[in-house]
Amino acid sequence: MTIALRLWDLEDRDLPRVFEGHTNWVSTVAWSPDQRQALSGSFDETVRLWDLQT
């Protein structure tokens, strides 16, 4: 099972980005100060770094 991290645009109510890779629920997300990267932690015992610019 692949769990997707979804990044919503709340102003437009649009779902522009979906990041797939975790195999269990995502429990936390943090953004870099420049908003170019996100770090997610999951119950699959992994941490993933996502490039939000691509």
Protein backbone atom coordinates (compact mmCIF):
# COMPACT_ATOMS: atom_id res chain seq x y z
CA MET A 1 0.00 0.00 0.00
CA THR A 2 1.33 3.45 -0.91
CA ILE A 3 0.26 6.43 1.15
CA ALA A 4 0.19 9.81 -0.59
CA LEU A 5 1.01 13.17 0.96
CA ARG A 6 -1.37 15.72 -0.55
CA LEU A 7 -0.51 19.41 -0.74
CA TRP A 8 -3.68 21.50 -1.06
CA ASP A 9 -3.98 25.09 -2.27
CA LEU A 10 -6.51 26.44 0.22
CA GLU A 11 -7.19 29.67 -1.68
CA ASP A 12 -8.14 27.89 -4.91
CA ARG A 13 -9.35 24.70 -3.17
CA ASP A 14 -7.21 22.80 -5.61
CA LEU A 15 -5.01 19.72 -5.19
CA PRO A 16 -1.95 20.65 -7.25
CA ARG A 17 0.57 18.20 -5.77
CA VAL A 18 0.54 14.58 -4.64
CA PHE A 19 3.70 13.00 -3.21
CA GLU A 20 3.79 9.20 -3.04
CA GLY A 21 6.31 7.04 -1.25
CA HIS A 22 5.34 6.30 2.35
CA THR A 23 3.85 2.88 3.07
CA ASN A 24 2.01 3.85 6.26
CA TRP A 25 0.21 6.92 7.60
CA VAL A 26 2.07 10.24 7.57
CA SER A 27 2.25 11.58 11.11
CA THR A 28 4.09 14.89 10.69
CA VAL A 29 5.15 17.40 8.06
CA ALA A 30 7.55 20.35 8.30
CA TRP A 31 8.38 22.97 5.68
CA SER A 32 11.73 24.61 5.03
CA PRO A 33 11.87 28.37 5.76
CA ASP A 34 11.94 29.15 2.02
CA GLN A 35 8.94 26.84 1.36
CA ARG A 36 10.88 24.91 -1.31
CA GLN A 37 11.08 21.60 0.55
CA ALA A 38 8.92 19.58 2.91
CA LEU A 39 9.97 16.84 5.29
CA SER A 40 7.45 14.14 6.21
CA GLY A 41 7.61 11.49 8.89
CA SER A 42 5.53 8.33 8.79
CA PHE A 43 4.51 5.34 10.86
CA ASP A 44 6.48 3.28 8.32
CA GLU A 45 9.53 4.53 10.29
CA THR A 46 10.87 6.66 7.43
CA VAL A 47 11.43 10.35 6.89
CA ARG A 48 11.21 11.72 3.36
CA LEU A 49 12.43 15.01 1.93
CA TRP A 50 10.24 16.39 -0.86
CA ASP A 51 11.18 19.04 -3.43
CA LEU A 52 8.13 21.28 -3.75
CA GLN A 53 9.49 23.11 -6.80
CA THR A 54 9.36 20.19 -9.25
